[in-house]
Amino acid sequence: MNNSTKTIGDILVATGRLTVEDAARIVERQRKDQVQFGEAALALKVLSKDDIDFALSKQFDYSYLSDQDQSVSPELVAAYKPFSRVGENLRAVRSQLMLRWFNTDPARKVMAIVSPGNGEGRSFVAANLAIVFAQQGERTLLIDADMRSKPERGQQALFKLGKSAGLSAILANRAGLESAQLIPGLPGLAVLPAGATPPNPQELLGRPAFGDLLRAASQQFDVIIIDTPAGSDFADAEITAARAGAALLVARQHVSLVPRAAQLARRLQDSGVALVGSVLNDA
């Protein structure tokens, strides 16, 4: 029996969240009040809303992590709190990106996440968007192209990835796409960390190997999200966005400077990059 044919009670009993005795009490209350299983359980105070959401996610094949699972950073809200306001906002952004870019042409599979400065939430947005795309059933690859930050600040830290070859090794022809790591508990999501910090990140991104990597990844994945370094500090973001063909601009309330964001947007558009939209953090 697969999850789609199991009842909420079956799923919760099988996962240890509900006893057989309490399940029987809920069913009795359900029949008596002519209400849904979840409503009866909440009325009896046997289950929490989180328990009901968990069971529904299993029924509808919607993967997310429990609060007890500490395999990734709590900053990955989409992985832990997909039904929160932030989770809803991320899904709204996903829908707009699908409508404006990914669904407009089968060849459009890549998007860069950019912002003018540091501390504006590029990595947060990139990581959480990758998660919600995977939750939708898209085979998703998240590439950390910020080869200037220390590993403890990038996607390697957010997803708590072990040390391995990353993007820098691939662009130096010392590794391949197999360096991307699958994320347990989030089916369909793979993350390629930045790897060792090279002395020449801009030159590496400008090599044909980067385009070759994206073409190879497009054969295996439906959506490819690329994290980038600060756009006002380095040309890396522009090079990456030009390779991707599209970009999402991230700004942070009370942090981002409007002139710098506008200047970055103009530079990207002048380079032929499709600026698909923008996200304001902490709004």
Protein backbone atom coordinates (compact mmCIF):
# COMPACT_ATOMS: atom_id res chain seq x y z
CA MET A 1 0.00 0.00 0.00
CA ASN A 2 1.48 3.37 -0.97
CA ASN A 3 0.97 6.58 0.99
CA SER A 4 -1.68 7.91 -1.39
CA THR A 5 -4.01 5.02 -0.46
CA LYS A 6 -3.28 5.12 3.30
CA THR A 7 -5.51 7.06 5.67
CA ILE A 8 -4.12 9.86 7.82
CA GLY A 9 -4.49 7.56 10.81
CA ASP A 10 -2.53 4.76 9.11
CA ILE A 11 0.34 7.12 8.31
CA LEU A 12 0.51 8.61 11.81
CA VAL A 13 0.35 5.21 13.51
CA ALA A 14 3.05 3.83 11.21
CA THR A 15 5.36 6.77 11.99
CA GLY A 16 4.80 6.58 15.75
CA ARG A 17 2.94 9.87 16.00
CA LEU A 18 -0.33 8.22 17.01
CA THR A 19 -1.27 5.12 19.01
CA VAL A 20 -3.77 2.57 17.73
CA GLU A 21 -6.00 3.34 20.71
CA ASP A 22 -6.03 7.08 20.03
CA ALA A 23 -6.69 6.43 16.34
CA ALA A 24 -9.79 4.45 17.31
CA ARG A 25 -10.95 7.32 19.57
CA ILE A 26 -10.54 9.78 16.72
CA VAL A 27 -12.50 7.59 14.29
CA GLU A 28 -15.31 7.26 16.83
CA ARG A 29 -15.43 11.05 17.29
CA GLN A 30 -15.25 11.52 13.53
CA ARG A 31 -18.32 9.33 12.98
CA LYS A 32 -20.21 10.91 15.84
CA ASP A 33 -19.64 14.53 14.75
CA GLN A 34 -19.55 13.82 11.01
CA VAL A 35 -16.27 15.71 10.61
CA GLN A 36 -12.92 14.98 8.98
CA PHE A 37 -10.30 12.87 10.78
CA GLY A 38 -8.00 15.84 11.36
CA GLU A 39 -10.77 18.00 12.78
CA ALA A 40 -11.81 15.24 15.19
CA ALA A 41 -8.19 14.71 16.28
CA LEU A 42 -7.70 18.40 16.98
CA ALA A 43 -10.96 18.54 18.94
CA LEU A 44 -9.77 15.65 21.10
CA LYS A 45 -6.34 17.31 21.42
CA VAL A 46 -4.72 14.02 20.42
CA LEU A 47 -2.81 15.47 17.47
CA SER A 48 -1.36 18.85 16.57
CA LYS A 49 -1.79 20.72 13.31
CA ASP A 50 1.84 19.83 12.53
CA ASP A 51 0.92 16.14 12.81
CA ILE A 52 -2.00 16.58 10.40
CA ASP A 53 0.16 18.55 7.95
CA PHE A 54 2.80 15.83 8.12
CA ALA A 55 0.27 13.09 7.26
CA LEU A 56 -1.22 15.12 4.43
CA SER A 57 2.26 15.73 3.01
CA LYS A 58 2.82 11.97 2.94
CA GLN A 59 -0.53 11.37 1.24
CA PHE A 60 0.19 13.92 -1.44
CA ASP A 61 3.91 13.10 -1.79
CA TYR A 62 5.00 16.52 -0.51
CA SER A 63 8.35 16.17 1.23
CA TYR A 64 9.58 18.31 4.11
CA LEU A 65 11.63 17.79 7.26
CA SER A 66 10.42 17.45 10.83
CA ASP A 67 11.64 19.80 13.55
CA GLN A 68 13.60 16.90 15.05
CA ASP A 69 15.58 16.47 11.83
CA GLN A 70 18.67 18.66 12.08
CA SER A 71 20.32 17.48 8.86
CA VAL A 72 20.17 20.97 7.31
CA SER A 73 20.19 24.53 8.63
CA PRO A 74 17.00 25.93 10.24
CA GLU A 75 17.36 28.84 7.77
CA LEU A 76 15.89 26.49 5.16
CA VAL A 77 12.33 27.47 6.05
CA ALA A 78 10.84 25.69 3.04
CA ALA A 79 12.28 22.42 4.32
CA TYR A 80 10.98 22.75 7.89
CA LYS A 81 8.01 25.14 7.79
CA PRO A 82 6.54 24.85 4.27
CA PHE A 83 3.09 25.93 5.45
CA SER A 84 4.31 29.12 7.13
CA ARG A 85 3.87 32.61 5.69
CA VAL A 86 7.45 32.52 4.37
CA GLY A 87 6.76 29.14 2.77
CA GLU A 88 3.65 30.50 1.08
CA ASN A 89 5.61 33.51 -0.18
CA LEU A 90 8.31 31.26 -1.62
CA ARG A 91 5.71 29.21 -3.48
CA ALA A 92 4.23 32.42 -4.86
CA VAL A 93 7.67 33.41 -6.19
CA ARG A 94 8.06 29.92 -7.66
CA SER A 95 4.75 30.26 -9.48
CA GLN A 96 5.79 33.59 -10.99
CA LEU A 97 9.15 32.19 -12.10
CA MET A 98 7.41 29.25 -13.75
CA LEU A 99 5.00 31.55 -15.58
CA ARG A 100 7.59 34.13 -16.62
CA TRP A 101 10.55 31.90 -17.44
CA PHE A 102 10.70 28.16 -16.92
CA ASN A 103 7.37 27.32 -18.58
CA THR A 104 7.81 29.68 -21.54
CA ASP A 105 10.38 27.50 -23.34
CA PRO A 106 11.56 23.92 -22.62
CA ALA A 107 15.15 25.08 -23.02
CA ARG A 108 14.82 27.62 -20.19
CA LYS A 109 16.01 25.68 -17.18
CA VAL A 110 18.61 27.95 -15.56
CA MET A 111 18.29 31.05 -13.39
CA ALA A 112 20.82 33.06 -11.38
CA ILE A 113 19.95 34.66 -8.04
CA VAL A 114 21.68 38.04 -7.76
CA SER A 115 21.84 41.06 -5.48
CA PRO A 116 24.08 44.13 -5.34
CA GLY A 117 25.60 43.69 -1.86
CA ASN A 118 26.35 41.30 0.96
CA GLY A 119 23.86 40.32 3.66
CA GLU A 120 20.86 40.71 1.38
CA GLY A 121 19.73 37.08 1.39
CA ARG A 122 20.83 35.69 -1.98
CA SER A 123 21.86 32.32 -0.56
CA PHE A 124 18.72 32.10 1.60
CA VAL A 125 16.46 32.80 -1.38
CA ALA A 126 18.39 30.50 -3.73
CA ALA A 127 18.34 27.59 -1.27
CA ASN A 128 14.69 27.90 -0.33
CA LEU A 129 13.57 28.36 -3.93
CA ALA A 130 15.48 25.22 -4.90
CA ILE A 131 13.62 23.36 -2.15
CA VAL A 132 10.14 24.52 -3.23
CA PHE A 133 10.88 23.62 -6.85
CA ALA A 134 11.90 20.12 -5.71
CA GLN A 135 8.77 19.89 -3.57
CA GLN A 136 6.75 20.57 -6.70
CA GLY A 137 8.30 17.50 -8.31
CA GLU A 138 10.91 19.28 -10.43
CA ARG A 139 14.34 17.66 -10.59
CA THR A 140 16.27 20.57 -9.14
CA LEU A 141 19.97 21.42 -9.00
CA LEU A 142 21.27 24.23 -6.80
CA ILE A 143 24.73 25.47 -7.83
CA ASP A 144 26.76 27.65 -5.48
CA ALA A 145 28.76 29.89 -7.82
CA ASP A 146 29.95 32.14 -5.01
CA MET A 147 33.54 30.93 -4.98
CA ARG A 148 34.64 33.98 -3.00
CA SER A 149 32.85 33.21 0.28
CA LYS A 150 34.13 30.82 2.90
CA PRO A 151 32.33 27.43 2.87
CA GLU A 152 30.75 28.10 6.28
CA ARG A 153 28.78 30.95 4.70
CA GLY A 154 27.52 29.29 1.53
CA GLN A 155 25.24 26.48 0.43
CA GLN A 156 27.65 23.94 1.89
CA ALA A 157 26.84 25.33 5.35
CA LEU A 158 23.09 25.68 4.76
CA PHE A 159 22.74 22.06 3.63
CA LYS A 160 25.48 20.79 6.00
CA LEU A 161 27.30 19.10 3.16
CA GLY A 162 30.44 17.10 3.72
CA LYS A 163 33.70 18.15 2.13
CA SER A 164 33.87 17.17 -1.53
CA ALA A 165 34.79 18.52 -4.93
CA GLY A 166 32.61 21.44 -5.95
CA LEU A 167 32.08 23.93 -8.75
CA SER A 168 35.68 25.19 -8.68
CA ALA A 169 37.01 21.65 -9.23
CA ILE A 170 34.61 21.08 -12.14
CA LEU A 171 35.60 24.34 -13.83
CA ALA A 172 39.27 23.38 -13.39
CA ASN A 173 38.51 20.04 -15.10
CA ARG A 174 39.28 18.06 -11.95
CA ALA A 175 35.75 16.74 -11.28
CA GLY A 176 32.36 16.26 -12.89
CA LEU A 177 28.66 16.77 -12.24
CA GLU A 178 28.69 13.73 -9.96
CA SER A 179 30.07 16.14 -7.33
CA ALA A 180 26.51 17.40 -6.81
CA GLN A 181 25.12 15.93 -3.59
CA LEU A 182 21.57 14.63 -3.12
CA ILE A 183 19.77 15.97 -0.06
CA PRO A 184 18.25 13.25 2.17
CA GLY A 185 14.58 13.85 2.97
CA LEU A 186 14.12 16.22 0.04
CA PRO A 187 13.74 13.99 -3.05
CA GLY A 188 14.61 15.57 -6.37
CA LEU A 189 17.04 18.11 -4.91
CA ALA A 190 20.80 18.09 -5.50
CA VAL A 191 23.30 20.74 -4.40
CA LEU A 192 26.67 21.50 -5.98
CA PRO A 193 28.77 23.47 -3.46
CA ALA A 194 31.28 26.11 -4.51
CA GLY A 195 34.21 23.90 -3.54
CA ALA A 196 37.71 25.05 -2.70
CA THR A 197 38.30 28.80 -2.98
CA PRO A 198 40.30 29.39 -6.19
CA PRO A 199 42.56 32.39 -6.86
CA ASN A 200 40.73 33.13 -10.13
CA PRO A 201 36.94 32.66 -9.73
CA GLN A 202 36.06 35.19 -12.44
CA GLU A 203 38.30 33.50 -14.99
CA LEU A 204 36.90 30.07 -14.08
CA LEU A 205 33.33 31.26 -14.63
CA GLY A 206 34.32 32.69 -17.98
CA ARG A 207 35.69 29.38 -19.24
CA PRO A 208 33.70 27.21 -21.69
CA ALA A 209 33.62 24.55 -18.96
CA PHE A 210 30.89 26.51 -17.14
CA GLY A 211 28.64 26.48 -20.19
CA ASP A 212 29.41 22.80 -20.70
CA LEU A 213 28.40 22.12 -17.10
CA LEU A 214 25.07 23.92 -17.48
CA ARG A 215 24.31 22.07 -20.72
CA ALA A 216 25.09 18.71 -19.09
CA ALA A 217 23.01 19.61 -16.03
CA SER A 218 20.08 20.60 -18.26
CA GLN A 219 19.97 17.02 -19.51
CA GLN A 220 19.51 15.71 -15.97
CA PHE A 221 17.51 18.44 -14.22
CA ASP A 222 14.32 20.41 -14.84
CA VAL A 223 15.35 23.51 -12.86
CA ILE A 224 18.84 24.84 -12.14
CA ILE A 225 19.22 27.64 -9.57
CA ILE A 226 22.59 29.41 -9.27
CA ASP A 227 23.71 31.34 -6.18
CA THR A 228 26.17 34.19 -6.87
CA PRO A 229 28.46 36.63 -5.01
CA ALA A 230 27.59 40.31 -4.52
CA GLY A 231 26.93 41.90 -7.92
CA SER A 232 28.35 45.31 -7.04
CA ASP A 233 31.64 43.89 -5.77
CA PHE A 234 32.53 41.45 -8.55
CA ALA A 235 31.68 40.70 -12.18
CA ASP A 236 31.04 37.04 -11.26
CA ALA A 237 27.28 37.59 -10.90
CA GLU A 238 26.99 39.17 -14.35
CA ILE A 239 29.02 36.38 -15.97
CA THR A 240 26.90 33.75 -14.22
CA ALA A 241 23.61 35.45 -15.10
CA ALA A 242 24.70 35.78 -18.73
CA ARG A 243 25.38 32.03 -18.83
CA ALA A 244 22.01 31.34 -17.22
CA GLY A 245 20.13 33.73 -19.48
CA ALA A 246 17.89 34.92 -16.64
CA ALA A 247 18.17 36.37 -13.15
CA LEU A 248 16.06 37.06 -10.08
CA LEU A 249 17.14 40.22 -8.24
CA VAL A 250 17.13 40.07 -4.42
CA ALA A 251 17.07 43.15 -2.21
CA ARG A 252 16.72 43.51 1.55
CA GLN A 253 14.60 46.03 3.34
CA HIS A 254 16.68 48.66 5.20
CA VAL A 255 19.90 47.10 3.85
CA SER A 256 19.95 47.32 0.04
CA LEU A 257 20.64 50.66 -1.58
CA VAL A 258 18.18 51.42 -4.38
CA PRO A 259 20.77 53.05 -6.69
CA ARG A 260 23.06 49.99 -6.46
CA ALA A 261 20.18 47.61 -7.16
CA ALA A 262 19.03 49.70 -10.11
CA GLN A 263 22.59 49.87 -11.48
CA LEU A 264 22.98 46.09 -11.25
CA ALA A 265 19.63 45.58 -12.98
CA ARG A 266 20.69 47.88 -15.84
CA ARG A 267 24.03 46.09 -16.26
CA LEU A 268 22.32 42.72 -16.43
CA GLN A 269 19.77 43.89 -18.98
CA ASP A 270 22.50 45.54 -21.05
CA SER A 271 24.23 42.13 -21.10
CA GLY A 272 21.11 40.52 -22.53
CA VAL A 273 20.02 38.86 -19.27
CA ALA A 274 16.28 38.50 -18.77
CA LEU A 275 15.51 40.08 -15.39
CA VAL A 276 12.54 37.88 -14.54
CA GLY A 277 11.59 39.55 -11.27
CA SER A 278 12.71 40.78 -7.88
CA VAL A 279 12.29 39.71 -4.26
CA LEU A 280 12.29 42.05 -1.27
CA ASN A 281 13.51 40.32 1.90
CA ASP A 282 11.99 41.14 5.31
CA ALA A 283 9.08 43.01 3.74
